[in-house]
Amino acid sequence: MESLKKRWGLKSNFQIVLILIVFSINGYFSGWFARPLTEYIGLPKESTNPYIFWPVRILLIFVIYQITLPIVGFCFGQFKFFWNFFTKKMLVRLGFKRFFNED
């Protein structure tokens, strides 16, 4: 626990527990929400080639996960952590660097 606190710049073990809960809830939510979304866009699992279905579903899960991570983090009072350490870094890697004032 101490190494995670030092690595992530956290002050308490309770913050680590909250962050791990956010990761687990958000992972489950992303997978759950991708199922009806793939059907909505016209790719039902039963009638879609698995070589098309699974890459599209995994891509949707990835996008949903990145979008909802700070939202779920906000619900648990950890928005700042998830924004600074994960979402902001991901957006910068995707080319949105000019929108952030890098220190």
Protein backbone atom coordinates (compact mmCIF):
# COMPACT_ATOMS: atom_id res chain seq x y z
CA MET A 1 0.00 0.00 0.00
CA GLU A 2 2.82 2.38 0.82
CA SER A 3 4.33 2.03 -2.64
CA LEU A 4 0.98 2.86 -4.27
CA LYS A 5 0.53 5.88 -2.02
CA LYS A 6 3.99 7.15 -2.92
CA ARG A 7 3.65 6.38 -6.63
CA TRP A 8 0.23 8.00 -6.97
CA GLY A 9 0.81 10.82 -4.49
CA LEU A 10 -1.93 9.76 -2.10
CA LYS A 11 -2.25 10.53 1.58
CA SER A 12 -4.29 7.63 2.99
CA ASN A 13 -5.06 3.97 2.54
CA PHE A 14 -8.73 4.91 2.28
CA GLN A 15 -7.97 6.83 -0.94
CA ILE A 16 -6.37 3.70 -2.39
CA VAL A 17 -9.45 1.67 -1.53
CA LEU A 18 -11.72 4.28 -3.16
CA ILE A 19 -9.56 4.37 -6.28
CA LEU A 20 -9.58 0.57 -6.60
CA ILE A 21 -13.36 0.58 -6.17
CA VAL A 22 -13.66 3.19 -8.93
CA PHE A 23 -11.50 1.08 -11.26
CA SER A 24 -13.63 -2.00 -10.65
CA ILE A 25 -17.00 -0.25 -10.98
CA ASN A 26 -15.93 1.59 -14.10
CA GLY A 27 -14.55 -1.57 -15.72
CA TYR A 28 -17.78 -3.42 -15.09
CA PHE A 29 -19.89 -0.48 -16.29
CA SER A 30 -17.89 -0.14 -19.52
CA GLY A 31 -18.36 -3.79 -20.41
CA TRP A 32 -22.01 -3.70 -19.44
CA PHE A 33 -22.75 -0.55 -21.46
CA ALA A 34 -20.87 -1.76 -24.56
CA ARG A 35 -23.28 -4.69 -25.02
CA PRO A 36 -26.42 -2.70 -25.88
CA LEU A 37 -24.32 -0.13 -27.73
CA THR A 38 -22.94 -2.74 -30.14
CA GLU A 39 -26.48 -3.94 -30.81
CA TYR A 40 -27.67 -0.35 -31.27
CA ILE A 41 -25.07 0.30 -33.96
CA GLY A 42 -26.19 -2.86 -35.75
CA LEU A 43 -23.67 -5.45 -34.59
CA PRO A 44 -25.54 -8.10 -32.60
CA LYS A 45 -23.24 -10.84 -31.31
CA GLU A 46 -25.33 -13.67 -32.72
CA SER A 47 -25.22 -12.54 -36.35
CA THR A 48 -21.92 -10.66 -36.58
CA ASN A 49 -18.61 -12.18 -37.57
CA PRO A 50 -16.49 -12.50 -34.40
CA TYR A 51 -13.51 -10.93 -36.21
CA ILE A 52 -15.60 -7.77 -36.57
CA PHE A 53 -17.68 -7.92 -33.41
CA TRP A 54 -14.91 -8.32 -30.82
CA PRO A 55 -12.51 -5.60 -32.06
CA VAL A 56 -15.42 -3.15 -32.27
CA ARG A 57 -16.66 -4.12 -28.81
CA ILE A 58 -13.17 -3.84 -27.27
CA LEU A 59 -12.72 -0.42 -28.89
CA LEU A 60 -16.10 0.69 -27.52
CA ILE A 61 -15.19 -0.57 -24.04
CA PHE A 62 -11.91 1.36 -24.19
CA VAL A 63 -13.61 4.60 -25.24
CA ILE A 64 -16.44 4.23 -22.72
CA TYR A 65 -13.92 3.47 -19.97
CA GLN A 66 -11.88 6.60 -20.68
CA ILE A 67 -14.96 8.82 -20.82
CA THR A 68 -16.63 7.48 -17.68
CA LEU A 69 -13.52 7.10 -15.49
CA PRO A 70 -13.49 10.72 -14.27
CA ILE A 71 -17.29 10.66 -13.87
CA VAL A 72 -17.24 7.58 -11.64
CA GLY A 73 -14.19 9.02 -9.88
CA PHE A 74 -16.17 12.19 -9.19
CA CYS A 75 -18.95 10.13 -7.58
CA PHE A 76 -16.37 8.76 -5.14
CA GLY A 77 -14.64 12.10 -4.55
CA GLN A 78 -11.55 11.18 -6.58
CA PHE A 79 -12.08 13.26 -9.73
CA LYS A 80 -8.81 15.15 -9.42
CA PHE A 81 -6.80 11.92 -9.17
CA PHE A 82 -8.39 10.35 -12.24
CA TRP A 83 -8.29 13.53 -14.27
CA ASN A 84 -4.61 14.20 -13.61
CA PHE A 85 -3.23 10.70 -13.72
CA PHE A 86 -5.27 8.93 -16.38
CA THR A 87 -7.74 10.91 -18.46
CA LYS A 88 -5.56 13.97 -18.99
CA LYS A 89 -2.56 11.84 -19.98
CA MET A 90 -4.67 9.81 -22.39
CA LEU A 91 -6.10 12.93 -24.05
CA VAL A 92 -2.61 14.41 -24.40
CA ARG A 93 -1.41 11.17 -26.05
CA LEU A 94 -4.35 11.36 -28.46
CA GLY A 95 -3.27 14.83 -29.61
CA PHE A 96 -5.31 17.18 -27.42
CA LYS A 97 -2.20 18.67 -25.80
CA ARG A 98 -3.03 22.26 -26.71
CA PHE A 99 -6.16 22.20 -24.51
CA PHE A 100 -4.15 21.63 -21.33
CA ASN A 101 -1.80 23.98 -19.59
CA GLU A 102 1.13 21.63 -19.05
CA ASP A 103 3.20 22.44 -15.97
